[in-house]
Amino acid sequence: MKHIGYCTNIHPGVSWEEHFSILRSSIPVIKKAVSPDMPFGLGLRLSHAASLTLDIDAFSAWLKAEGCYVFTMNGFPYGEFHGAVVKDQVHAPDWTTKERRDYTIRLFEILAKLLPDFLDKGGVSTSPLSYRYWWKDEVALKQAVELSTQHILDVVEALVKIKEETGKSLHLDIEPEPDGVLENSEEFIDWYMNTLIPSACKRWAGGEALVKEHVQLCFDICHFAVEFEEPEAAVRRLGELGIKTGKIQVSSALKVDLKTRAEEKLAVLKRFDEPVYLHQVVAKRLDGSFESFRDLGEAFEAYENYKFEEWRIHYHVPLFADEYSELQSTQGEIIKTFQVLKDTNFTDQLEIETYTWGVLPPALQVPLNDSIIREIAWVKRQL
């Protein structure tokens, strides 16, 4: 059985009262359209503040009454995610801090109580340790990775206890992202095999088995596409190493073919340059090499005609469209990933994560509930 839902980070609200108010008004409408006769799964996003004030009994009762269930959570954004400048602060506090560790453990304690009786597995997705450019040199970066790893092992310890008490096998799903300390599957695998597992084996007998059960990958298709990763190769390599994928975040990036009419296309792309989120760019040069930029503005400044073949931009655009005027999306990467999923069944949890509706150019904006319904319907058709 595949669990298909959408991530509630699409909805604004830092406090639980704000967030729950929107869920109560939106979820019944969406469920009626996409899953009227079957339970409807959700990927729940709770800010740090909301995680402290959630009335779990009242929320559980509401989920049951509405025929809904939570199967995964998004623990990447700690604080405000809409209506304020987020940029690199989406990583803060990072995994070098006890705040990130304690927040994540709290989310798992909540998830253990929210998982329905028919599910004994679930995950919380999280930041790829930290933001790369916060660290002044390789020595500082290495120290940050080592401290982050120890905090993640503290979470594993908490998950072992949760399993003993509840029978639920929960996993922390690390989400590689452009400019994160772990940017892609290669860096994730290197850290996992050469830092995380050895550190776990120093802490516990059987440390490798504990890590492989409780630390998994969050396969964000947008992020993999921006990094020009081939999903089949990545999934095959993870499988060979026995590293599990906790969930797929179904998401699509912007893509610009610069081989023709580059100036016209970049003029359209400038409409997407907004101040809230980071929009990292990976540019493929005509010689086949790659160049990375921290944000769209930096890429525009570095642009040279006849130098680039294609840009891919970290911008979670709607899934259902493969073109935006002169621009394209990486929708094809979703379709390729779904084919790998059909062939290998490498996870059973899919979370739609299109959260940039509010910062899209006005011509692309439609009522939010209608947008979510259209996204879910498109995914179900592909599957």
Protein backbone atom coordinates (compact mmCIF):
# COMPACT_ATOMS: atom_id res chain seq x y z
CA MET A 1 0.00 0.00 0.00
CA LYS A 2 1.29 3.46 -0.93
CA HIS A 3 0.63 6.32 1.46
CA ILE A 4 0.14 9.50 -0.57
CA GLY A 5 -0.46 12.85 1.06
CA TYR A 6 0.70 16.42 0.98
CA CYS A 7 2.94 18.30 3.40
CA THR A 8 1.08 20.83 5.49
CA ASN A 9 4.03 23.24 5.34
CA ILE A 10 2.05 24.71 2.45
CA HIS A 11 -0.20 26.33 5.06
CA PRO A 12 0.94 29.38 7.04
CA GLY A 13 0.92 29.62 10.80
CA VAL A 14 3.65 29.26 13.42
CA SER A 15 1.40 28.54 16.40
CA TRP A 16 -0.61 25.34 16.59
CA GLU A 17 -3.84 27.32 16.89
CA GLU A 18 -3.17 29.11 13.58
CA HIS A 19 -2.11 25.94 11.78
CA PHE A 20 -4.95 23.78 13.08
CA SER A 21 -7.50 26.41 12.14
CA ILE A 22 -6.38 26.20 8.51
CA LEU A 23 -6.28 22.39 8.56
CA ARG A 24 -9.85 22.25 9.85
CA SER A 25 -11.07 24.44 7.00
CA SER A 26 -8.96 22.87 4.21
CA ILE A 27 -8.56 19.14 4.86
CA PRO A 28 -12.25 18.13 4.65
CA VAL A 29 -12.59 19.92 1.29
CA ILE A 30 -9.43 18.30 -0.10
CA LYS A 31 -10.28 14.81 1.19
CA LYS A 32 -13.76 14.95 -0.30
CA ALA A 33 -12.23 15.66 -3.71
CA VAL A 34 -9.32 13.19 -3.74
CA SER A 35 -10.16 10.42 -1.26
CA PRO A 36 -13.86 10.48 -0.39
CA ASP A 37 -14.18 6.80 0.54
CA MET A 38 -10.70 5.96 1.85
CA PRO A 39 -8.51 7.27 4.68
CA PHE A 40 -6.53 10.33 3.63
CA GLY A 41 -2.87 10.62 4.63
CA LEU A 42 -1.11 13.79 5.74
CA GLY A 43 2.49 14.89 6.09
CA LEU A 44 2.27 17.08 9.18
CA ARG A 45 4.50 20.11 9.63
CA LEU A 46 4.82 21.44 13.18
CA SER A 47 7.00 24.40 14.05
CA HIS A 48 8.94 24.30 17.30
CA ALA A 49 6.33 26.55 18.89
CA ALA A 50 3.43 24.43 17.63
CA SER A 51 5.06 21.22 18.85
CA LEU A 52 5.01 22.59 22.41
CA THR A 53 1.31 23.50 22.42
CA LEU A 54 -0.29 20.80 20.26
CA ASP A 55 -3.29 19.21 21.96
CA ILE A 56 -2.59 15.72 20.70
CA ASP A 57 -5.79 14.14 22.04
CA ALA A 58 -7.99 16.74 20.36
CA PHE A 59 -6.03 16.52 17.11
CA SER A 60 -6.15 12.70 17.10
CA ALA A 61 -9.90 12.78 17.65
CA TRP A 62 -10.30 15.27 14.79
CA LEU A 63 -8.20 13.13 12.43
CA LYS A 64 -10.30 10.07 13.24
CA ALA A 65 -13.57 11.95 12.77
CA GLU A 66 -12.42 13.26 9.37
CA GLY A 67 -11.08 9.91 8.15
CA CYS A 68 -7.48 11.17 8.04
CA TYR A 69 -4.17 9.99 9.43
CA VAL A 70 -0.60 11.26 9.77
CA PHE A 71 2.07 8.97 8.30
CA THR A 72 5.06 11.33 8.16
CA MET A 73 6.20 14.69 9.49
CA ASN A 74 8.35 17.50 8.15
CA GLY A 75 10.84 18.62 10.77
CA PHE A 76 13.07 20.67 8.47
CA PRO A 77 11.71 24.22 9.13
CA TYR A 78 12.00 24.89 12.86
CA GLY A 79 10.32 28.29 12.93
CA GLU A 80 8.42 30.59 10.63
CA PHE A 81 8.10 29.38 7.03
CA HIS A 82 5.66 31.83 5.42
CA GLY A 83 5.35 35.60 5.53
CA ALA A 84 8.95 36.28 6.55
CA VAL A 85 12.37 36.11 4.94
CA VAL A 86 13.49 32.49 5.37
CA LYS A 87 16.48 32.04 3.02
CA ASP A 88 19.35 30.11 4.69
CA GLN A 89 17.66 30.42 8.10
CA VAL A 90 15.49 27.45 7.15
CA HIS A 91 18.45 25.41 8.47
CA ALA A 92 18.50 27.21 11.85
CA PRO A 93 18.95 25.94 14.44
CA ASP A 94 21.06 23.31 12.71
CA TRP A 95 22.16 19.86 13.88
CA THR A 96 25.14 21.28 15.80
CA THR A 97 22.62 22.51 18.38
CA LYS A 98 20.71 20.77 21.14
CA GLU A 99 17.66 22.79 20.11
CA ARG A 100 17.44 20.92 16.79
CA ARG A 101 17.98 17.57 18.52
CA ASP A 102 15.36 18.17 21.20
CA TYR A 103 12.79 19.53 18.74
CA THR A 104 13.23 16.46 16.53
CA ILE A 105 12.86 14.02 19.43
CA ARG A 106 9.67 15.86 20.43
CA LEU A 107 8.30 15.43 16.89
CA PHE A 108 8.97 11.69 17.07
CA GLU A 109 7.17 11.43 20.40
CA ILE A 110 4.19 13.11 18.74
CA LEU A 111 4.40 10.92 15.63
CA ALA A 112 4.47 7.75 17.72
CA LYS A 113 1.11 8.78 19.18
CA LEU A 114 -0.39 9.92 15.87
CA LEU A 115 0.51 6.92 13.71
CA PRO A 116 -2.64 4.86 13.07
CA ASP A 117 -2.90 1.26 14.25
CA PHE A 118 -2.40 -0.02 10.69
CA LEU A 119 1.04 1.63 10.46
CA ASP A 120 4.08 0.63 12.49
CA LYS A 121 6.59 2.76 10.58
CA GLY A 122 6.89 6.50 10.01
CA GLY A 123 9.48 9.20 9.64
CA VAL A 124 10.42 12.80 10.29
CA SER A 125 12.38 14.56 7.54
CA THR A 126 15.08 17.02 8.49
CA SER A 127 17.88 19.34 7.40
CA PRO A 128 21.07 17.91 5.82
CA LEU A 129 23.00 18.75 9.02
CA SER A 130 23.59 22.46 8.34
CA TYR A 131 24.06 25.15 5.71
CA ARG A 132 27.44 24.75 4.04
CA TYR A 133 28.37 28.43 3.84
CA TRP A 134 28.04 29.04 7.57
CA TRP A 135 31.40 27.32 8.12
CA LYS A 136 34.56 29.33 7.43
CA ASP A 137 36.87 26.46 6.46
CA GLU A 138 37.12 22.67 6.15
CA VAL A 139 38.22 22.30 9.79
CA ALA A 140 35.13 24.12 11.06
CA LEU A 141 32.92 22.15 8.68
CA LYS A 142 34.38 18.83 9.85
CA GLN A 143 33.76 19.77 13.49
CA ALA A 144 30.17 20.74 12.64
CA VAL A 145 29.60 17.38 10.95
CA GLU A 146 31.01 15.47 13.93
CA LEU A 147 28.86 17.33 16.45
CA SER A 148 25.77 17.00 14.24
CA THR A 149 26.38 13.27 13.97
CA GLN A 150 26.47 12.85 17.75
CA HIS A 151 23.17 14.73 18.09
CA ILE A 152 21.61 12.50 15.44
CA LEU A 153 22.79 9.44 17.36
CA ASP A 154 21.05 10.90 20.43
CA VAL A 155 17.87 10.84 18.34
CA VAL A 156 18.53 7.20 17.35
CA GLU A 157 18.80 6.39 21.06
CA ALA A 158 15.41 8.00 21.64
CA LEU A 159 13.91 6.06 18.72
CA VAL A 160 15.16 2.76 20.14
CA LYS A 161 13.31 3.56 23.37
CA ILE A 162 10.15 4.54 21.47
CA LYS A 163 10.22 1.21 19.64
CA GLU A 164 10.63 -0.69 22.91
CA GLU A 165 7.67 1.15 24.43
CA THR A 166 5.29 1.29 21.44
CA GLY A 167 6.44 -1.21 18.82
CA LYS A 168 6.68 1.63 16.29
CA SER A 169 9.83 1.70 14.15
CA LEU A 170 10.43 5.38 13.43
CA HIS A 171 13.15 6.84 11.23
CA LEU A 172 14.88 10.19 10.80
CA ASP A 173 14.88 11.04 7.08
CA ILE A 174 17.85 13.20 6.11
CA GLU A 175 17.01 15.50 3.19
CA PRO A 176 20.00 16.42 0.96
CA GLU A 177 19.62 19.89 -0.51
CA PRO A 178 21.74 22.21 -2.68
CA ASP A 179 24.19 24.11 -0.42
CA GLY A 180 23.39 21.90 2.53
CA VAL A 181 26.33 20.17 4.18
CA LEU A 182 24.95 17.07 2.46
CA GLU A 183 23.96 18.28 -1.02
CA ASN A 184 23.29 15.06 -2.92
CA SER A 185 23.16 11.28 -2.62
CA GLU A 186 26.93 10.92 -2.99
CA GLU A 187 27.63 13.21 -0.03
CA PHE A 188 24.83 11.62 1.99
CA ILE A 189 26.21 8.13 1.37
CA ASP A 190 29.78 9.21 2.19
CA TRP A 191 28.65 10.70 5.53
CA TYR A 192 26.36 7.75 6.28
CA MET A 193 28.95 5.05 5.63
CA ASN A 194 32.13 6.78 6.80
CA THR A 195 30.97 8.98 9.68
CA LEU A 196 27.53 8.00 10.95
CA ILE A 197 27.92 4.21 11.05
CA PRO A 198 31.45 4.24 12.53
CA SER A 199 30.29 6.71 15.20
CA ALA A 200 27.29 4.49 16.01
CA CYS A 201 29.50 1.42 16.30
CA LYS A 202 31.67 3.24 18.85
CA ARG A 203 28.58 4.04 20.89
CA TRP A 204 26.73 0.70 20.73
CA ALA A 205 27.29 -2.91 19.83
CA GLY A 206 25.08 -3.41 16.78
CA GLY A 207 25.32 0.29 15.93
CA GLU A 208 25.15 -0.28 12.18
CA ALA A 209 21.84 -2.12 12.41
CA LEU A 210 20.35 0.59 14.61
CA VAL A 211 21.43 3.31 12.18
CA LYS A 212 20.06 1.48 9.17
CA GLU A 213 16.68 1.11 10.84
CA HIS A 214 16.40 4.59 12.30
CA VAL A 215 18.29 6.92 9.91
CA GLN A 216 17.09 6.94 6.32
CA LEU A 217 17.00 9.17 3.24
CA CYS A 218 14.33 11.70 2.33
CA PHE A 219 14.30 11.57 -1.47
CA ASP A 220 13.25 15.10 -2.47
CA ILE A 221 12.81 14.90 -6.24
CA CYS A 222 13.23 18.66 -6.75
CA HIS A 223 16.57 18.62 -4.93
CA PHE A 224 17.82 15.57 -6.83
CA ALA A 225 16.79 17.19 -10.11
CA VAL A 226 18.58 20.47 -9.33
CA GLU A 227 21.72 18.43 -8.64
CA PHE A 228 21.31 16.66 -12.02
CA GLU A 229 21.13 13.28 -10.27
CA GLU A 230 19.68 10.27 -12.05
CA PRO A 231 17.10 8.66 -9.73
CA GLU A 232 17.71 5.10 -10.94
CA ALA A 233 21.44 5.27 -10.22
CA ALA A 234 20.91 6.86 -6.80
CA VAL A 235 18.28 4.33 -5.72
CA ARG A 236 20.40 1.43 -6.95
CA ARG A 237 23.46 2.61 -5.01
CA LEU A 238 21.45 3.14 -1.82
CA GLY A 239 19.97 -0.32 -2.18
CA GLU A 240 23.37 -1.94 -2.65
CA LEU A 241 24.50 -0.40 0.64
CA GLY A 242 21.33 -1.32 2.53
CA ILE A 243 20.36 2.31 3.11
CA LYS A 244 16.60 2.76 3.18
CA THR A 245 14.53 5.62 1.80
CA GLY A 246 12.01 6.80 4.37
CA LYS A 247 9.90 8.79 1.95
CA ILE A 248 9.79 10.54 -1.38
CA GLN A 249 9.00 14.22 -1.31
CA VAL A 250 7.26 14.72 -4.63
CA SER A 251 8.41 18.11 -5.86
CA SER A 252 9.42 19.85 -9.07
CA ALA A 253 12.12 22.43 -9.84
CA LEU A 254 12.36 25.14 -12.49
CA LYS A 255 14.46 24.42 -15.57
CA VAL A 256 15.71 26.83 -18.24
CA ASP A 257 17.09 25.72 -21.61
CA LEU A 258 19.65 28.41 -22.46
CA LYS A 259 20.75 27.06 -25.84
CA THR A 260 18.20 29.27 -27.62
CA ARG A 261 16.59 32.66 -26.84
CA ALA A 262 18.42 32.82 -23.52
CA GLU A 263 17.78 36.52 -22.89
CA GLU A 264 14.02 36.14 -23.35
CA LYS A 265 13.91 33.17 -21.00
CA LEU A 266 15.97 34.87 -18.31
CA ALA A 267 13.64 37.86 -18.47
CA VAL A 268 10.76 35.51 -17.63
CA LEU A 269 12.81 33.83 -14.90
CA LYS A 270 13.39 37.18 -13.18
CA ARG A 271 9.68 37.22 -12.28
CA PHE A 272 10.43 34.25 -9.99
CA ASP A 273 13.24 36.03 -8.11
CA GLU A 274 11.55 36.66 -4.76
CA PRO A 275 12.93 37.49 -1.30
CA VAL A 276 11.50 34.73 0.94
CA TYR A 277 13.20 31.45 0.03
CA LEU A 278 16.63 30.43 -1.22
CA HIS A 279 16.56 29.49 -4.91
CA GLN A 280 19.88 27.80 -5.46
CA VAL A 281 20.92 27.34 -9.09
CA VAL A 282 22.98 24.55 -10.62
CA ALA A 283 24.10 25.53 -14.11
CA LYS A 284 25.27 23.06 -16.73
CA ARG A 285 27.93 24.58 -18.97
CA LEU A 286 28.22 23.86 -22.67
CA ASP A 287 31.33 21.77 -21.94
CA GLY A 288 29.31 19.48 -19.64
CA SER A 289 30.72 20.81 -16.36
CA PHE A 290 28.62 22.38 -13.61
CA GLU A 291 28.62 25.65 -11.68
CA SER A 292 26.56 26.40 -8.58
CA PHE A 293 25.07 29.65 -7.30
CA ARG A 294 23.63 30.30 -3.85
CA ASP A 295 20.56 32.16 -5.13
CA LEU A 296 18.94 33.39 -8.33
CA GLY A 297 20.36 36.91 -8.05
CA GLU A 298 23.89 35.55 -7.92
CA ALA A 299 23.24 33.42 -11.01
CA PHE A 300 21.88 36.41 -12.95
CA GLU A 301 25.02 38.40 -12.11
CA ALA A 302 27.27 35.59 -13.35
CA TYR A 303 25.37 34.92 -16.56
CA GLU A 304 27.39 34.92 -19.77
CA ASN A 305 25.83 34.27 -23.15
CA TYR A 306 26.93 31.11 -24.96
CA LYS A 307 28.43 29.67 -21.74
CA PHE A 308 25.50 27.76 -20.23
CA GLU A 309 23.35 25.00 -21.65
CA GLU A 310 20.80 24.70 -18.83
CA TRP A 311 19.95 26.07 -15.42
CA ARG A 312 18.01 24.17 -12.76
CA ILE A 313 16.60 26.23 -9.92
CA HIS A 314 15.52 25.14 -6.45
CA TYR A 315 11.95 26.39 -6.61
CA HIS A 316 9.14 24.01 -5.65
CA VAL A 317 6.85 24.78 -8.58
CA PRO A 318 3.50 23.01 -9.18
CA LEU A 319 3.81 19.39 -10.27
CA PHE A 320 1.07 19.28 -12.88
CA ALA A 321 2.76 21.69 -15.34
CA ASP A 322 5.90 20.99 -17.35
CA GLU A 323 6.11 24.49 -18.86
CA TYR A 324 5.82 28.03 -17.50
CA SER A 325 5.78 30.40 -20.43
CA GLU A 326 9.39 30.35 -21.69
CA LEU A 327 10.50 28.10 -18.82
CA GLN A 328 10.17 24.42 -18.07
CA SER A 329 9.95 22.29 -14.94
CA THR A 330 11.72 19.09 -13.97
CA GLN A 331 8.42 17.20 -14.06
CA GLY A 332 10.17 14.55 -16.16
CA GLU A 333 12.34 13.70 -13.15
CA ILE A 334 9.20 12.92 -11.12
CA ILE A 335 8.01 10.57 -13.84
CA LYS A 336 11.42 8.86 -13.96
CA THR A 337 11.45 8.51 -10.16
CA PHE A 338 7.97 7.00 -10.20
CA GLN A 339 9.12 4.45 -12.77
CA VAL A 340 11.99 3.47 -10.46
CA LEU A 341 9.46 3.23 -7.63
CA LYS A 342 7.27 0.90 -9.69
CA ASP A 343 10.28 -1.27 -10.52
CA THR A 344 11.84 -1.43 -7.04
CA ASN A 345 9.22 -0.32 -4.47
CA PHE A 346 12.00 1.47 -2.57
CA THR A 347 9.53 3.26 -0.27
CA ASP A 348 5.80 3.27 0.39
CA GLN A 349 5.47 6.87 1.62
CA LEU A 350 5.02 9.82 -0.75
CA GLU A 351 4.59 13.39 0.44
CA ILE A 352 3.72 16.12 -2.05
CA GLU A 353 5.75 19.21 -1.20
CA THR A 354 4.76 22.20 -3.28
CA TYR A 355 4.95 25.11 -0.86
CA THR A 356 5.75 28.18 -2.99
CA TRP A 357 2.22 29.03 -4.14
CA GLY A 358 2.28 32.34 -2.31
CA VAL A 359 5.45 33.58 -4.04
CA LEU A 360 4.68 32.40 -7.57
CA PRO A 361 4.02 35.02 -10.22
CA PRO A 362 0.33 36.06 -9.98
CA ALA A 363 -0.64 34.39 -13.27
CA LEU A 364 0.24 30.97 -11.79
CA GLN A 365 -1.71 31.38 -8.56
CA VAL A 366 -5.10 29.72 -8.06
CA PRO A 367 -7.04 29.07 -4.82
CA LEU A 368 -4.90 26.96 -2.51
CA ASN A 369 -7.31 24.07 -1.93
CA ASP A 370 -7.85 23.74 -5.68
CA SER A 371 -4.08 23.73 -6.17
CA ILE A 372 -3.56 20.93 -3.64
CA ILE A 373 -6.38 18.86 -5.14
CA ARG A 374 -4.88 19.24 -8.60
CA GLU A 375 -1.42 18.19 -7.33
CA ILE A 376 -2.71 15.05 -5.60
CA ALA A 377 -4.82 14.07 -8.61
CA TRP A 378 -1.81 14.46 -10.92
CA VAL A 379 0.38 12.25 -8.70
CA LYS A 380 -2.27 9.53 -8.49
CA ARG A 381 -2.61 9.50 -12.27
CA GLN A 382 1.14 9.05 -12.70
CA LEU A 383 1.16 6.15 -10.25
